């Protein structure tokens, strides 16, 4: 985990315990948990918004392609009629 061994992790936790005290640690952990939860929620909302917008763009592009195909078909039919006359 981040290149930190077990011994280093225990020492860091002990120093944090000494600095903040046993009563403050649960409050700090709770605040950290809420912050992480809000961050995940915001990132999920952004991802959902982006994924919702992509299909709309794809639908528009396919609609435009269909319109272009119809125009091409009409042009080819007109040229065929002119060639027949």
Foldseek 3Di string as FASTA:
>chain_A
DVPDDPVRVVVVVVVVCVVQHPVCVVVVVVVVVVVVVVVVVVVVVVVVVVVVVVVVVVVVVVVVVVVVVVVVVVVVVVVVVVVVD
